[in-house]
Amino acid sequence: MTPTASHGQEVRRRLLDAAAELIPERGWSAVSTRILADRAGVTPSVVHYHFSSIQDVLAEAAITAMRQVLAATDFTAAPSPTAAVDAMLASVEQYDGTDPMSLLFTETYLAATRDDRLRAQIATLVTDFRTQLSHWLAIHQVPEPAATAAVLAAAIDGLLLHRGLGPESPALPTVLRRLVS
């Protein structure tokens, strides 16, 4: 790789990292080209050299972060469906609803209500996760694995969205385990 190409990739990575920091700090709609460029340590024209719009930078940063969180939600090594539920709950324990990643998810979901392309990208992530979970549940002979995967994924997602609003029920793990029993 040439030094110029390497520098270009580094600048692009800095822009994406800065966007992922700014979304939860300021909110999706408050991130401007100038603010993003300043955080990344580049001029505003560099933002538009690497991305066609500020929305494209924000979307790529958010989808990349969401993909990483989903990839870290590894339930496939669990020996049973109830252990898989426990693994999923453990993987999201670090998110309290007010942390930067939780806020990034919330801001991205909100932005997706006004951006069809972003909504489609999130839908792809959700569909891929549900499909993987459904296949795993089918292997473990959980009844109606596709529907169960959809409900379980929505419950975990909803849990994350609700955490910033108040205490969750201590019975939640028991109810989710029952779903796959």
N, C-alpha and C. Protein backbone atom coordinates (compact mmCIF):
# COMPACT_ATOMS: atom_id res chain seq x y z
N MET A 1 0.84 -1.17 0.00
CA MET A 1 0.00 0.00 0.00
C MET A 1 0.90 1.24 0.00
N THR A 2 0.55 2.19 -0.81
CA THR A 2 1.34 3.41 -0.90
C THR A 2 1.13 4.27 0.34
N PRO A 3 2.09 5.14 0.63
CA PRO A 3 1.92 6.03 1.79
C PRO A 3 0.67 6.91 1.65
N THR A 4 0.36 7.33 0.44
CA THR A 4 -0.83 8.16 0.23
C THR A 4 -2.10 7.38 0.53
N ALA A 5 -2.19 6.16 0.05
CA ALA A 5 -3.36 5.32 0.31
C ALA A 5 -3.48 5.02 1.80
N SER A 6 -2.35 4.74 2.44
CA SER A 6 -2.35 4.46 3.87
C SER A 6 -2.83 5.68 4.66
N HIS A 7 -2.36 6.85 4.26
CA HIS A 7 -2.79 8.10 4.92
C HIS A 7 -4.29 8.32 4.71
N GLY A 8 -4.77 8.04 3.51
CA GLY A 8 -6.20 8.20 3.22
C GLY A 8 -7.05 7.28 4.07
N GLN A 9 -6.61 6.04 4.25
CA GLN A 9 -7.35 5.10 5.11
C GLN A 9 -7.33 5.56 6.57
N GLU A 10 -6.21 6.10 7.01
CA GLU A 10 -6.10 6.60 8.38
C GLU A 10 -7.05 7.78 8.59
N VAL A 11 -7.12 8.68 7.64
CA VAL A 11 -8.02 9.84 7.76
C VAL A 11 -9.47 9.37 7.79
N ARG A 12 -9.81 8.44 6.92
CA ARG A 12 -11.17 7.90 6.88
C ARG A 12 -11.53 7.24 8.22
N ARG A 13 -10.61 6.48 8.78
CA ARG A 13 -10.83 5.84 10.08
C ARG A 13 -11.03 6.90 11.17
N ARG A 14 -10.23 7.96 11.15
CA ARG A 14 -10.38 9.03 12.14
C ARG A 14 -11.75 9.71 12.01
N LEU A 15 -12.21 9.90 10.79
CA LEU A 15 -13.52 10.50 10.58
C LEU A 15 -14.63 9.60 11.14
N LEU A 16 -14.52 8.31 10.88
CA LEU A 16 -15.53 7.36 11.38
C LEU A 16 -15.49 7.27 12.91
N ASP A 17 -14.30 7.25 13.49
CA ASP A 17 -14.17 7.22 14.95
C ASP A 17 -14.76 8.49 15.57
N ALA A 18 -14.46 9.63 14.96
CA ALA A 18 -14.98 10.90 15.47
C ALA A 18 -16.50 10.93 15.37
N ALA A 19 -17.05 10.43 14.27
CA ALA A 19 -18.51 10.39 14.11
C ALA A 19 -19.14 9.51 15.18
N ALA A 20 -18.54 8.36 15.44
CA ALA A 20 -19.08 7.44 16.46
C ALA A 20 -19.02 8.06 17.86
N GLU A 21 -18.08 8.95 18.11
CA GLU A 21 -18.01 9.67 19.39
C GLU A 21 -19.04 10.79 19.44
N LEU A 22 -19.20 11.50 18.34
CA LEU A 22 -20.05 12.68 18.32
C LEU A 22 -21.54 12.36 18.33
N ILE A 23 -21.94 11.25 17.72
CA ILE A 23 -23.37 10.91 17.67
C ILE A 23 -23.95 10.84 19.08
N PRO A 24 -23.36 10.08 20.01
CA PRO A 24 -23.94 10.05 21.36
C PRO A 24 -23.72 11.35 22.15
N GLU A 25 -22.64 12.05 21.87
CA GLU A 25 -22.35 13.29 22.60
C GLU A 25 -23.32 14.41 22.24
N ARG A 26 -23.58 14.59 20.95
CA ARG A 26 -24.33 15.75 20.48
C ARG A 26 -25.70 15.42 19.92
N GLY A 27 -25.89 14.17 19.53
CA GLY A 27 -27.12 13.79 18.83
C GLY A 27 -26.86 13.82 17.34
N TRP A 28 -27.53 12.93 16.63
CA TRP A 28 -27.30 12.75 15.20
C TRP A 28 -27.40 14.06 14.43
N SER A 29 -28.48 14.79 14.63
CA SER A 29 -28.73 15.99 13.82
C SER A 29 -27.84 17.17 14.19
N ALA A 30 -27.12 17.10 15.30
CA ALA A 30 -26.25 18.21 15.71
C ALA A 30 -24.80 18.04 15.25
N VAL A 31 -24.51 16.95 14.57
CA VAL A 31 -23.15 16.73 14.07
C VAL A 31 -23.05 17.37 12.68
N SER A 32 -22.24 18.38 12.59
CA SER A 32 -22.03 19.07 11.31
C SER A 32 -20.68 18.67 10.73
N THR A 33 -20.50 19.00 9.48
CA THR A 33 -19.22 18.74 8.81
C THR A 33 -18.09 19.41 9.56
N ARG A 34 -18.29 20.66 9.96
CA ARG A 34 -17.24 21.41 10.65
C ARG A 34 -16.89 20.77 12.00
N ILE A 35 -17.90 20.38 12.76
CA ILE A 35 -17.67 19.74 14.06
C ILE A 35 -16.95 18.41 13.89
N LEU A 36 -17.38 17.64 12.91
CA LEU A 36 -16.74 16.34 12.64
C LEU A 36 -15.29 16.53 12.22
N ALA A 37 -15.06 17.45 11.30
CA ALA A 37 -13.69 17.71 10.83
C ALA A 37 -12.80 18.14 11.98
N ASP A 38 -13.30 19.03 12.82
CA ASP A 38 -12.52 19.51 13.96
C ASP A 38 -12.15 18.35 14.88
N ARG A 39 -13.11 17.48 15.19
CA ARG A 39 -12.84 16.34 16.08
C ARG A 39 -11.82 15.39 15.45
N ALA A 40 -11.91 15.20 14.15
CA ALA A 40 -10.99 14.27 13.46
C ALA A 40 -9.64 14.91 13.15
N GLY A 41 -9.54 16.22 13.33
CA GLY A 41 -8.28 16.91 13.06
C GLY A 41 -7.99 17.11 11.59
N VAL A 42 -9.06 17.33 10.81
CA VAL A 42 -8.90 17.57 9.37
C VAL A 42 -9.72 18.81 8.99
N THR A 43 -9.58 19.23 7.75
CA THR A 43 -10.38 20.35 7.27
C THR A 43 -11.74 19.83 6.79
N PRO A 44 -12.76 20.68 6.80
CA PRO A 44 -14.08 20.23 6.35
C PRO A 44 -14.09 19.66 4.93
N SER A 45 -13.24 20.16 4.05
CA SER A 45 -13.23 19.64 2.68
C SER A 45 -12.79 18.18 2.63
N VAL A 46 -11.99 17.75 3.60
CA VAL A 46 -11.53 16.36 3.65
C VAL A 46 -12.70 15.42 3.94
N VAL A 47 -13.65 15.89 4.74
CA VAL A 47 -14.83 15.07 5.03
C VAL A 47 -15.52 14.71 3.72
N HIS A 48 -15.72 15.72 2.87
CA HIS A 48 -16.44 15.49 1.61
C HIS A 48 -15.57 14.84 0.54
N TYR A 49 -14.28 14.79 0.75
CA TYR A 49 -13.42 14.02 -0.13
C TYR A 49 -13.64 12.52 0.10
N HIS A 50 -13.82 12.14 1.37
CA HIS A 50 -13.97 10.73 1.72
C HIS A 50 -15.41 10.24 1.72
N PHE A 51 -16.36 11.14 1.93
CA PHE A 51 -17.78 10.77 2.02
C PHE A 51 -18.62 11.78 1.24
N SER A 52 -19.70 11.30 0.65
CA SER A 52 -20.54 12.19 -0.15
C SER A 52 -21.36 13.16 0.69
N SER A 53 -21.60 12.80 1.97
CA SER A 53 -22.36 13.70 2.84
C SER A 53 -22.05 13.38 4.30
N ILE A 54 -22.42 14.29 5.17
CA ILE A 54 -22.25 14.06 6.60
C ILE A 54 -23.12 12.88 7.03
N GLN A 55 -24.29 12.72 6.42
CA GLN A 55 -25.16 11.60 6.75
C GLN A 55 -24.50 10.26 6.42
N ASP A 56 -23.74 10.22 5.34
CA ASP A 56 -23.05 8.98 4.98
C ASP A 56 -21.98 8.61 6.01
N VAL A 57 -21.25 9.62 6.52
CA VAL A 57 -20.24 9.35 7.54
C VAL A 57 -20.91 8.81 8.81
N LEU A 58 -21.96 9.50 9.23
CA LEU A 58 -22.66 9.10 10.45
C LEU A 58 -23.23 7.69 10.31
N ALA A 59 -23.86 7.43 9.18
CA ALA A 59 -24.46 6.10 8.96
C ALA A 59 -23.39 5.01 8.98
N GLU A 60 -22.29 5.22 8.28
CA GLU A 60 -21.26 4.19 8.26
C GLU A 60 -20.66 3.97 9.64
N ALA A 61 -20.44 5.05 10.38
CA ALA A 61 -19.89 4.93 11.73
C ALA A 61 -20.86 4.16 12.64
N ALA A 62 -22.13 4.52 12.56
CA ALA A 62 -23.13 3.88 13.42
C ALA A 62 -23.32 2.41 13.06
N ILE A 63 -23.44 2.11 11.78
CA ILE A 63 -23.65 0.72 11.36
C ILE A 63 -22.44 -0.13 11.71
N THR A 64 -21.25 0.42 11.57
CA THR A 64 -20.04 -0.31 11.94
C THR A 64 -20.04 -0.62 13.44
N ALA A 65 -20.40 0.36 14.26
CA ALA A 65 -20.45 0.14 15.71
C ALA A 65 -21.53 -0.88 16.07
N MET A 66 -22.68 -0.78 15.44
CA MET A 66 -23.76 -1.73 15.71
C MET A 66 -23.34 -3.15 15.31
N ARG A 67 -22.68 -3.27 14.17
CA ARG A 67 -22.21 -4.58 13.72
C ARG A 67 -21.23 -5.18 14.73
N GLN A 68 -20.36 -4.34 15.29
CA GLN A 68 -19.39 -4.82 16.27
C GLN A 68 -20.08 -5.30 17.55
N VAL A 69 -21.10 -4.57 17.99
CA VAL A 69 -21.84 -4.99 19.19
C VAL A 69 -22.53 -6.32 18.93
N LEU A 70 -23.17 -6.45 17.77
CA LEU A 70 -23.85 -7.71 17.45
C LEU A 70 -22.86 -8.87 17.35
N ALA A 71 -21.70 -8.61 16.79
CA ALA A 71 -20.69 -9.66 16.67
C ALA A 71 -20.20 -10.11 18.04
N ALA A 72 -20.19 -9.20 19.00
CA ALA A 72 -19.75 -9.54 20.36
C ALA A 72 -20.84 -10.25 21.15
N THR A 73 -22.05 -10.29 20.62
CA THR A 73 -23.17 -10.97 21.27
C THR A 73 -23.13 -12.43 20.85
N ASP A 74 -22.14 -13.14 21.34
CA ASP A 74 -21.93 -14.52 20.90
C ASP A 74 -22.66 -15.50 21.80
N PHE A 75 -23.67 -16.08 21.24
CA PHE A 75 -24.47 -17.08 21.96
C PHE A 75 -24.18 -18.48 21.42
N THR A 76 -23.44 -18.57 20.31
CA THR A 76 -23.29 -19.84 19.61
C THR A 76 -22.50 -20.89 20.38
N ALA A 77 -21.69 -20.46 21.34
CA ALA A 77 -20.92 -21.43 22.13
C ALA A 77 -21.71 -21.95 23.33
N ALA A 78 -22.88 -21.40 23.56
CA ALA A 78 -23.68 -21.81 24.71
C ALA A 78 -24.14 -23.26 24.54
N PRO A 79 -24.14 -24.03 25.61
CA PRO A 79 -24.53 -25.44 25.51
C PRO A 79 -26.04 -25.67 25.41
N SER A 80 -26.82 -24.64 25.73
CA SER A 80 -28.28 -24.81 25.71
C SER A 80 -28.93 -23.46 25.38
N PRO A 81 -30.20 -23.49 24.98
CA PRO A 81 -30.90 -22.23 24.71
C PRO A 81 -30.97 -21.31 25.92
N THR A 82 -31.17 -21.86 27.12
CA THR A 82 -31.22 -20.98 28.29
C THR A 82 -29.84 -20.37 28.57
N ALA A 83 -28.80 -21.12 28.33
CA ALA A 83 -27.44 -20.58 28.47
C ALA A 83 -27.18 -19.52 27.40
N ALA A 84 -27.78 -19.68 26.23
CA ALA A 84 -27.64 -18.66 25.17
C ALA A 84 -28.30 -17.36 25.59
N VAL A 85 -29.47 -17.45 26.22
CA VAL A 85 -30.13 -16.25 26.73
C VAL A 85 -29.23 -15.57 27.76
N ASP A 86 -28.66 -16.35 28.66
CA ASP A 86 -27.76 -15.79 29.66
C ASP A 86 -26.55 -15.12 29.01
N ALA A 87 -26.02 -15.74 27.95
CA ALA A 87 -24.87 -15.17 27.25
C ALA A 87 -25.24 -13.84 26.58
N MET A 88 -26.43 -13.78 25.99
CA MET A 88 -26.88 -12.54 25.36
C MET A 88 -27.07 -11.45 26.40
N LEU A 89 -27.70 -11.80 27.52
CA LEU A 89 -27.90 -10.81 28.58
C LEU A 89 -26.55 -10.34 29.14
N ALA A 90 -25.61 -11.26 29.30
CA ALA A 90 -24.29 -10.89 29.81
C ALA A 90 -23.57 -9.96 28.84
N SER A 91 -23.76 -10.20 27.54
CA SER A 91 -23.05 -9.38 26.55
C SER A 91 -23.56 -7.94 26.51
N VAL A 92 -24.78 -7.70 26.98
CA VAL A 92 -25.32 -6.34 26.98
C VAL A 92 -25.32 -5.72 28.37
N GLU A 93 -24.80 -6.44 29.35
CA GLU A 93 -24.79 -5.93 30.73
C GLU A 93 -24.03 -4.62 30.84
N GLN A 94 -23.02 -4.43 30.04
CA GLN A 94 -22.20 -3.22 30.12
C GLN A 94 -22.93 -1.95 29.67
N TYR A 95 -24.06 -2.10 29.02
CA TYR A 95 -24.80 -0.95 28.50
C TYR A 95 -25.92 -0.59 29.47
N ASP A 96 -25.84 0.62 30.02
CA ASP A 96 -26.83 1.03 31.02
C ASP A 96 -27.91 1.96 30.45
N GLY A 97 -27.88 2.20 29.17
CA GLY A 97 -28.87 3.07 28.55
C GLY A 97 -28.42 4.50 28.45
N THR A 98 -27.40 4.87 29.21
CA THR A 98 -26.89 6.24 29.15
C THR A 98 -25.43 6.28 28.69
N ASP A 99 -24.84 5.13 28.47
CA ASP A 99 -23.45 5.05 28.00
C ASP A 99 -23.40 5.43 26.52
N PRO A 100 -22.22 5.76 26.01
CA PRO A 100 -22.12 6.20 24.60
C PRO A 100 -22.68 5.21 23.58
N MET A 101 -22.46 3.91 23.76
CA MET A 101 -22.95 2.95 22.76
C MET A 101 -24.47 2.87 22.79
N SER A 102 -25.06 2.88 23.97
CA SER A 102 -26.52 2.88 24.05
C SER A 102 -27.09 4.12 23.36
N LEU A 103 -26.48 5.26 23.62
CA LEU A 103 -26.95 6.51 23.01
C LEU A 103 -26.75 6.49 21.49
N LEU A 104 -25.65 5.89 21.04
CA LEU A 104 -25.42 5.77 19.60
C LEU A 104 -26.54 4.94 18.96
N PHE A 105 -26.91 3.83 19.58
CA PHE A 105 -28.00 3.00 19.06
C PHE A 105 -29.30 3.80 19.03
N THR A 106 -29.62 4.48 20.12
CA THR A 106 -30.87 5.24 20.19
C THR A 106 -30.91 6.33 19.13
N GLU A 107 -29.83 7.07 19.01
CA GLU A 107 -29.76 8.14 18.00
C GLU A 107 -29.88 7.57 16.58
N THR A 108 -29.27 6.43 16.35
CA THR A 108 -29.30 5.81 15.03
C THR A 108 -30.70 5.32 14.70
N TYR A 109 -31.36 4.70 15.65
CA TYR A 109 -32.74 4.27 15.43
C TYR A 109 -33.63 5.46 15.11
N LEU A 110 -33.45 6.54 15.84
CA LEU A 110 -34.24 7.75 15.60
C LEU A 110 -33.96 8.30 14.20
N ALA A 111 -32.70 8.38 13.83
CA ALA A 111 -32.34 8.88 12.50
C ALA A 111 -32.91 7.99 11.40
N ALA A 112 -32.99 6.70 11.66
CA ALA A 112 -33.51 5.75 10.67
C ALA A 112 -34.99 5.97 10.37
N THR A 113 -35.70 6.64 11.27
CA THR A 113 -37.11 6.93 11.00
C THR A 113 -37.25 7.96 9.88
N ARG A 114 -36.16 8.68 9.59
CA ARG A 114 -36.19 9.71 8.54
C ARG A 114 -35.26 9.40 7.37
N ASP A 115 -34.61 8.24 7.40
CA ASP A 115 -33.63 7.91 6.38
C ASP A 115 -33.85 6.45 5.95
N ASP A 116 -34.46 6.28 4.77
CA ASP A 116 -34.78 4.93 4.29
C ASP A 116 -33.55 4.05 4.13
N ARG A 117 -32.46 4.62 3.65
CA ARG A 117 -31.25 3.82 3.44
C ARG A 117 -30.68 3.33 4.78
N LEU A 118 -30.66 4.21 5.77
CA LEU A 118 -30.17 3.83 7.10
C LEU A 118 -31.10 2.77 7.70
N ARG A 119 -32.39 2.96 7.55
CA ARG A 119 -33.36 1.98 8.06
C ARG A 119 -33.10 0.61 7.41
N ALA A 120 -32.83 0.59 6.12
CA ALA A 120 -32.56 -0.67 5.42
C ALA A 120 -31.27 -1.32 5.93
N GLN A 121 -30.27 -0.51 6.23
CA GLN A 121 -29.02 -1.05 6.75
C GLN A 121 -29.22 -1.68 8.13
N ILE A 122 -29.98 -1.00 8.98
CA ILE A 122 -30.27 -1.56 10.30
C ILE A 122 -31.12 -2.82 10.16
N ALA A 123 -32.09 -2.79 9.27
CA ALA A 123 -32.93 -3.96 9.05
C ALA A 123 -32.09 -5.16 8.62
N THR A 124 -31.08 -4.93 7.81
CA THR A 124 -30.19 -6.01 7.39
C THR A 124 -29.45 -6.60 8.59
N LEU A 125 -28.94 -5.72 9.46
CA LEU A 125 -28.25 -6.20 10.67
C LEU A 125 -29.19 -7.04 11.53
N VAL A 126 -30.40 -6.54 11.73
CA VAL A 126 -31.38 -7.25 12.56
C VAL A 126 -31.75 -8.59 11.93
N THR A 127 -32.00 -8.57 10.63
CA THR A 127 -32.37 -9.80 9.92
C THR A 127 -31.25 -10.83 10.00
N ASP A 128 -30.02 -10.38 9.79
CA ASP A 128 -28.88 -11.31 9.87
C ASP A 128 -28.76 -11.91 11.26
N PHE A 129 -28.92 -11.09 12.30
CA PHE A 129 -28.83 -11.59 13.67
C PHE A 129 -29.95 -12.58 13.95
N ARG A 130 -31.17 -12.22 13.56
CA ARG A 130 -32.31 -13.12 13.78
C ARG A 130 -32.13 -14.44 13.05
N THR A 131 -31.61 -14.38 11.83
CA THR A 131 -31.39 -15.60 11.05
C THR A 131 -30.38 -16.51 11.73
N GLN A 132 -29.28 -15.92 12.18
CA GLN A 132 -28.26 -16.70 12.87
C GLN A 132 -28.84 -17.32 14.14
N LEU A 133 -29.57 -16.53 14.90
CA LEU A 133 -30.18 -17.02 16.14
C LEU A 133 -31.24 -18.08 15.83
N SER A 134 -32.03 -17.87 14.82
CA SER A 134 -33.07 -18.84 14.43
C SER A 134 -32.45 -20.19 14.06
N HIS A 135 -31.39 -20.16 13.28
CA HIS A 135 -30.72 -21.41 12.91
C HIS A 135 -30.18 -22.12 14.15
N TRP A 136 -29.59 -21.36 15.05
CA TRP A 136 -29.04 -21.95 16.26
C TRP A 136 -30.16 -22.55 17.11
N LEU A 137 -31.27 -21.81 17.24
CA LEU A 137 -32.41 -22.32 18.01
C LEU A 137 -33.00 -23.58 17.38
N ALA A 138 -33.04 -23.62 16.05
CA ALA A 138 -33.56 -24.81 15.35
C ALA A 138 -32.68 -26.02 15.64
N ILE A 139 -31.37 -25.83 15.61
CA ILE A 139 -30.45 -26.92 15.93
C ILE A 139 -30.70 -27.45 17.34
N HIS A 140 -31.08 -26.54 18.24
CA HIS A 140 -31.34 -26.93 19.63
C HIS A 140 -32.81 -27.23 19.88
N GLN A 141 -33.53 -27.42 18.79
CA GLN A 141 -34.93 -27.89 18.82
C GLN A 141 -35.89 -27.01 19.62
N VAL A 142 -35.67 -25.70 19.54
CA VAL A 142 -36.61 -24.76 20.16
C VAL A 142 -37.79 -24.62 19.20
N PRO A 143 -39.01 -24.76 19.69
CA PRO A 143 -40.19 -24.62 18.81
C PRO A 143 -40.24 -23.23 18.17
N GLU A 144 -40.71 -23.20 16.94
CA GLU A 144 -40.85 -21.96 16.18
C GLU A 144 -39.60 -21.08 16.29
N PRO A 145 -38.49 -21.57 15.82
CA PRO A 145 -37.22 -20.86 16.03
C PRO A 145 -37.18 -19.45 15.41
N ALA A 146 -37.78 -19.26 14.25
CA ALA A 146 -37.74 -17.92 13.63
C ALA A 146 -38.52 -16.91 14.46
N ALA A 147 -39.72 -17.30 14.89
CA ALA A 147 -40.53 -16.39 15.71
C ALA A 147 -39.88 -16.17 17.07
N THR A 148 -39.33 -17.22 17.64
CA THR A 148 -38.65 -17.10 18.94
C THR A 148 -37.44 -16.18 18.82
N ALA A 149 -36.68 -16.33 17.75
CA ALA A 149 -35.52 -15.47 17.52
C ALA A 149 -35.94 -14.01 17.39
N ALA A 150 -37.03 -13.76 16.68
CA ALA A 150 -37.52 -12.39 16.50
C ALA A 150 -37.92 -11.78 17.84
N VAL A 151 -38.64 -12.55 18.64
CA VAL A 151 -39.09 -12.03 19.95
C VAL A 151 -37.90 -11.82 20.88
N LEU A 152 -36.98 -12.77 20.89
CA LEU A 152 -35.82 -12.66 21.77
C LEU A 152 -34.94 -11.47 21.37
N ALA A 153 -34.69 -11.30 20.08
CA ALA A 153 -33.89 -10.16 19.62
C ALA A 153 -34.58 -8.84 19.96
N ALA A 154 -35.89 -8.77 19.76
CA ALA A 154 -36.64 -7.55 20.08
C ALA A 154 -36.62 -7.28 21.58
N ALA A 155 -36.71 -8.33 22.38
CA ALA A 155 -36.69 -8.16 23.84
C ALA A 155 -35.34 -7.62 24.31
N ILE A 156 -34.26 -8.15 23.78
CA ILE A 156 -32.92 -7.68 24.16
C ILE A 156 -32.75 -6.23 23.70
N ASP A 157 -33.16 -5.94 22.48
CA ASP A 157 -33.08 -4.58 21.95
C ASP A 157 -33.91 -3.62 22.80
N GLY A 158 -35.13 -4.03 23.12
CA GLY A 158 -36.00 -3.21 23.95
C GLY A 158 -35.42 -2.99 25.34
N LEU A 159 -34.81 -4.02 25.89
CA LEU A 159 -34.16 -3.91 27.19
C LEU A 159 -33.12 -2.79 27.16
N LEU A 160 -32.32 -2.77 26.11
CA LEU A 160 -31.29 -1.74 26.00
C LEU A 160 -31.89 -0.35 25.87
N LEU A 161 -32.97 -0.24 25.10
CA LEU A 161 -33.61 1.06 24.94
C LEU A 161 -34.27 1.52 26.24
N HIS A 162 -34.77 0.60 27.04
CA HIS A 162 -35.47 0.96 28.27
C HIS A 162 -34.55 1.19 29.45
N ARG A 163 -33.35 0.67 29.40
CA ARG A 163 -32.44 0.76 30.56
C ARG A 163 -32.22 2.18 31.03
N GLY A 164 -32.11 3.12 30.13
CA GLY A 164 -31.88 4.50 30.53
C GLY A 164 -33.09 5.15 31.16
N LEU A 165 -34.23 4.49 31.10
CA LEU A 165 -35.47 5.07 31.62
C LEU A 165 -35.79 4.67 33.06
N GLY A 166 -35.18 3.61 33.52
CA GLY A 166 -35.47 3.20 34.88
C GLY A 166 -35.09 1.76 35.12
N PRO A 167 -35.37 1.28 36.32
CA PRO A 167 -34.96 -0.09 36.67
C PRO A 167 -35.73 -1.13 35.86
N GLU A 168 -35.04 -2.22 35.58
CA GLU A 168 -35.70 -3.31 34.87
C GLU A 168 -36.13 -4.38 35.86
N SER A 169 -37.03 -5.18 35.44
CA SER A 169 -37.55 -6.24 36.30
C SER A 169 -36.48 -7.28 36.55
N PRO A 170 -36.29 -7.68 37.80
CA PRO A 170 -35.32 -8.74 38.09
C PRO A 170 -35.76 -10.09 37.51
N ALA A 171 -37.03 -10.21 37.15
CA ALA A 171 -37.54 -11.46 36.59
C ALA A 171 -37.29 -11.59 35.09
N LEU A 172 -36.75 -10.55 34.47
CA LEU A 172 -36.55 -10.57 33.02
C LEU A 172 -35.75 -11.79 32.53
N PRO A 173 -34.61 -12.11 33.13
CA PRO A 173 -33.87 -13.30 32.65
C PRO A 173 -34.72 -14.57 32.73
N THR A 174 -35.49 -14.72 33.78
CA THR A 174 -36.33 -15.91 33.94
C THR A 174 -37.37 -15.98 32.82
N VAL A 175 -37.99 -14.87 32.51
CA VAL A 175 -39.00 -14.83 31.45
C VAL A 175 -38.37 -15.15 30.10
N LEU A 176 -37.21 -14.58 29.82
CA LEU A 176 -36.54 -14.84 28.54
C LEU A 176 -36.07 -16.30 28.44
N ARG A 177 -35.60 -16.86 29.54
CA ARG A 177 -35.21 -18.28 29.54
C ARG A 177 -36.42 -19.16 29.26
N ARG A 178 -37.56 -18.79 29.82
CA ARG A 178 -38.79 -19.56 29.60
C ARG A 178 -39.18 -19.53 28.12
N LEU A 179 -38.90 -18.45 27.46
CA LEU A 179 -39.22 -18.31 26.04
C LEU A 179 -38.55 -19.40 25.20
N VAL A 180 -37.36 -19.82 25.60
CA VAL A 180 -36.61 -20.81 24.82
C VAL A 180 -36.66 -22.21 25.42
N SER A 181 -37.37 -22.37 26.53
CA SER A 181 -37.44 -23.68 27.19
C SER A 181 -38.42 -24.60 26.47
